[in-house]
Amino acid sequence: MTPSTRPLIGIALILLLIMLWAALVASLAPFVGTWPVLVQAPFYLIMGIIWIIPLKPLVRWVQTGHFKAPSK
């Protein structure tokens, strides 16, 4: 039995997603930095959570080979 390459590809894609998302948020910093602190905090909190949304299908693909959950 040979090991699947899916976990390796999945890890690489997760790391790529994190790096791209961090670069996007960092590129917005000069603009967002002019906002009041009480507006910046929720923005960065939301941006810190949003990147997780595409993670669920990606993890499901690593585990099962399918992006969508099986229909019942």
N, C-alpha and C. Protein backbone atom coordinates (compact mmCIF):
# COMPACT_ATOMS: atom_id res chain seq x y z
N MET A 1 0.85 -1.17 0.00
CA MET A 1 0.00 0.00 0.00
C MET A 1 0.90 1.25 0.00
N THR A 2 0.66 2.16 -0.94
CA THR A 2 1.46 3.39 -1.00
C THR A 2 0.71 4.53 -0.34
N PRO A 3 1.41 5.41 0.34
CA PRO A 3 0.74 6.53 1.00
C PRO A 3 0.19 7.53 -0.03
N SER A 4 -0.89 8.17 0.36
CA SER A 4 -1.53 9.15 -0.51
C SER A 4 -0.77 10.48 -0.45
N THR A 5 -0.76 11.17 -1.55
CA THR A 5 -0.12 12.49 -1.59
C THR A 5 -1.08 13.59 -1.18
N ARG A 6 -2.36 13.23 -0.98
CA ARG A 6 -3.36 14.23 -0.61
C ARG A 6 -3.00 15.00 0.66
N PRO A 7 -2.56 14.34 1.75
CA PRO A 7 -2.22 15.11 2.95
C PRO A 7 -1.08 16.11 2.71
N LEU A 8 -0.10 15.73 1.95
CA LEU A 8 1.02 16.64 1.67
C LEU A 8 0.54 17.84 0.85
N ILE A 9 -0.26 17.58 -0.16
CA ILE A 9 -0.82 18.65 -0.98
C ILE A 9 -1.73 19.54 -0.14
N GLY A 10 -2.54 18.91 0.72
CA GLY A 10 -3.45 19.66 1.59
C GLY A 10 -2.70 20.58 2.53
N ILE A 11 -1.63 20.09 3.14
CA ILE A 11 -0.83 20.92 4.04
C ILE A 11 -0.23 22.10 3.28
N ALA A 12 0.28 21.83 2.09
CA ALA A 12 0.87 22.90 1.28
C ALA A 12 -0.20 23.95 0.93
N LEU A 13 -1.41 23.50 0.58
CA LEU A 13 -2.48 24.44 0.23
C LEU A 13 -2.92 25.25 1.45
N ILE A 14 -2.97 24.61 2.62
CA ILE A 14 -3.35 25.33 3.85
C ILE A 14 -2.32 26.41 4.15
N LEU A 15 -1.04 26.06 4.05
CA LEU A 15 0.01 27.05 4.30
C LEU A 15 -0.03 28.18 3.27
N LEU A 16 -0.29 27.85 2.01
CA LEU A 16 -0.42 28.86 0.97
C LEU A 16 -1.61 29.78 1.25
N LEU A 17 -2.73 29.20 1.66
CA LEU A 17 -3.91 29.99 2.01
C LEU A 17 -3.59 30.97 3.13
N ILE A 18 -2.92 30.49 4.16
CA ILE A 18 -2.58 31.36 5.29
C ILE A 18 -1.65 32.49 4.84
N MET A 19 -0.65 32.16 4.04
CA MET A 19 0.29 33.18 3.59
C MET A 19 -0.39 34.23 2.71
N LEU A 20 -1.24 33.79 1.79
CA LEU A 20 -1.94 34.73 0.92
C LEU A 20 -2.90 35.62 1.71
N TRP A 21 -3.61 35.01 2.65
CA TRP A 21 -4.55 35.77 3.47
C TRP A 21 -3.80 36.80 4.32
N ALA A 22 -2.69 36.39 4.93
CA ALA A 22 -1.89 37.30 5.75
C ALA A 22 -1.35 38.45 4.90
N ALA A 23 -0.92 38.16 3.68
CA ALA A 23 -0.41 39.20 2.79
C ALA A 23 -1.53 40.18 2.42
N LEU A 24 -2.72 39.65 2.17
CA LEU A 24 -3.86 40.52 1.85
C LEU A 24 -4.18 41.44 3.02
N VAL A 25 -4.29 40.88 4.21
CA VAL A 25 -4.62 41.70 5.38
C VAL A 25 -3.51 42.70 5.67
N ALA A 26 -2.26 42.28 5.53
CA ALA A 26 -1.14 43.19 5.76
C ALA A 26 -1.12 44.33 4.73
N SER A 27 -1.52 44.03 3.51
CA SER A 27 -1.55 45.08 2.48
C SER A 27 -2.63 46.12 2.76
N LEU A 28 -3.63 45.76 3.54
CA LEU A 28 -4.68 46.70 3.91
C LEU A 28 -4.31 47.54 5.13
N ALA A 29 -3.22 47.20 5.80
CA ALA A 29 -2.83 47.87 7.05
C ALA A 29 -2.67 49.39 6.92
N PRO A 30 -2.04 49.90 5.85
CA PRO A 30 -1.93 51.37 5.77
C PRO A 30 -3.29 52.07 5.72
N PHE A 31 -4.24 51.44 5.05
CA PHE A 31 -5.58 52.01 4.97
C PHE A 31 -6.34 51.85 6.29
N VAL A 32 -6.29 50.64 6.83
CA VAL A 32 -7.01 50.33 8.06
C VAL A 32 -6.38 51.06 9.25
N GLY A 33 -5.09 51.31 9.19
CA GLY A 33 -4.39 51.98 10.28
C GLY A 33 -4.87 53.39 10.55
N THR A 34 -5.57 53.98 9.59
CA THR A 34 -6.09 55.33 9.78
C THR A 34 -7.44 55.31 10.50
N TRP A 35 -8.03 54.15 10.65
CA TRP A 35 -9.32 54.03 11.32
C TRP A 35 -9.13 54.15 12.83
N PRO A 36 -10.20 54.49 13.54
CA PRO A 36 -10.14 54.48 15.00
C PRO A 36 -9.87 53.05 15.52
N VAL A 37 -9.22 52.95 16.65
CA VAL A 37 -8.85 51.65 17.20
C VAL A 37 -10.07 50.77 17.44
N LEU A 38 -11.16 51.36 17.85
CA LEU A 38 -12.37 50.58 18.13
C LEU A 38 -13.02 50.04 16.85
N VAL A 39 -12.62 50.53 15.70
CA VAL A 39 -13.09 49.99 14.42
C VAL A 39 -12.06 48.99 13.90
N GLN A 40 -10.79 49.26 14.13
CA GLN A 40 -9.73 48.35 13.69
C GLN A 40 -9.84 46.99 14.36
N ALA A 41 -10.10 46.98 15.65
CA ALA A 41 -10.13 45.73 16.40
C ALA A 41 -11.15 44.74 15.84
N PRO A 42 -12.42 45.14 15.62
CA PRO A 42 -13.36 44.19 15.03
C PRO A 42 -12.97 43.77 13.61
N PHE A 43 -12.40 44.71 12.85
CA PHE A 43 -11.97 44.38 11.49
C PHE A 43 -10.94 43.25 11.51
N TYR A 44 -9.90 43.42 12.34
CA TYR A 44 -8.86 42.40 12.40
C TYR A 44 -9.37 41.10 13.02
N LEU A 45 -10.32 41.18 13.93
CA LEU A 45 -10.92 39.98 14.50
C LEU A 45 -11.68 39.21 13.43
N ILE A 46 -12.47 39.93 12.66
CA ILE A 46 -13.24 39.28 11.59
C ILE A 46 -12.30 38.71 10.52
N MET A 47 -11.30 39.48 10.13
CA MET A 47 -10.35 39.00 9.12
C MET A 47 -9.56 37.78 9.64
N GLY A 48 -9.36 37.73 10.95
CA GLY A 48 -8.65 36.60 11.53
C GLY A 48 -9.49 35.34 11.60
N ILE A 49 -10.79 35.48 11.46
CA ILE A 49 -11.68 34.33 11.51
C ILE A 49 -12.10 33.89 10.11
N ILE A 50 -12.25 34.83 9.18
CA ILE A 50 -12.78 34.53 7.85
C ILE A 50 -11.93 33.50 7.09
N TRP A 51 -10.61 33.51 7.28
CA TRP A 51 -9.76 32.60 6.52
C TRP A 51 -10.08 31.13 6.81
N ILE A 52 -10.79 30.88 7.90
CA ILE A 52 -11.11 29.50 8.27
C ILE A 52 -12.21 28.92 7.37
N ILE A 53 -13.03 29.78 6.78
CA ILE A 53 -14.17 29.31 5.97
C ILE A 53 -13.74 28.35 4.85
N PRO A 54 -12.74 28.68 4.02
CA PRO A 54 -12.36 27.72 2.97
C PRO A 54 -11.56 26.54 3.51
N LEU A 55 -11.23 26.57 4.79
CA LEU A 55 -10.44 25.49 5.35
C LEU A 55 -11.24 24.19 5.51
N LYS A 56 -12.53 24.29 5.84
CA LYS A 56 -13.34 23.09 6.07
C LYS A 56 -13.41 22.18 4.84
N PRO A 57 -13.75 22.72 3.64
CA PRO A 57 -13.76 21.83 2.48
C PRO A 57 -12.38 21.28 2.15
N LEU A 58 -11.34 22.07 2.40
CA LEU A 58 -9.98 21.61 2.11
C LEU A 58 -9.59 20.46 3.03
N VAL A 59 -9.91 20.57 4.30
CA VAL A 59 -9.62 19.48 5.25
C VAL A 59 -10.46 18.25 4.91
N ARG A 60 -11.72 18.46 4.50
CA ARG A 60 -12.57 17.33 4.11
C ARG A 60 -11.96 16.62 2.89
N TRP A 61 -11.41 17.40 1.94
CA TRP A 61 -10.79 16.79 0.77
C TRP A 61 -9.56 15.98 1.17
N VAL A 62 -8.75 16.50 2.09
CA VAL A 62 -7.57 15.77 2.54
C VAL A 62 -7.98 14.44 3.16
N GLN A 63 -9.06 14.44 3.93
CA GLN A 63 -9.48 13.24 4.62
C GLN A 63 -10.21 12.24 3.73
N THR A 64 -11.06 12.74 2.82
CA THR A 64 -11.93 11.84 2.05
C THR A 64 -11.68 11.83 0.56
N GLY A 65 -11.09 12.90 0.02
CA GLY A 65 -10.92 13.00 -1.42
C GLY A 65 -12.06 13.73 -2.09
N HIS A 66 -13.03 14.21 -1.30
CA HIS A 66 -14.17 14.96 -1.83
C HIS A 66 -14.28 16.29 -1.10
N PHE A 67 -14.64 17.35 -1.84
CA PHE A 67 -14.78 18.67 -1.23
C PHE A 67 -16.12 18.83 -0.52
N LYS A 68 -17.15 18.15 -1.01
CA LYS A 68 -18.48 18.30 -0.42
C LYS A 68 -18.76 17.13 0.51
N ALA A 69 -19.58 17.41 1.52
CA ALA A 69 -20.00 16.37 2.45
C ALA A 69 -20.93 15.40 1.71
N PRO A 70 -20.89 14.13 2.07
CA PRO A 70 -21.76 13.17 1.38
C PRO A 70 -23.24 13.48 1.65
N SER A 71 -24.06 13.30 0.62
CA SER A 71 -25.51 13.51 0.77
C SER A 71 -26.12 12.36 1.55
N LYS A 72 -27.10 12.70 2.37
CA LYS A 72 -27.76 11.65 3.17
C LYS A 72 -29.10 11.30 2.62
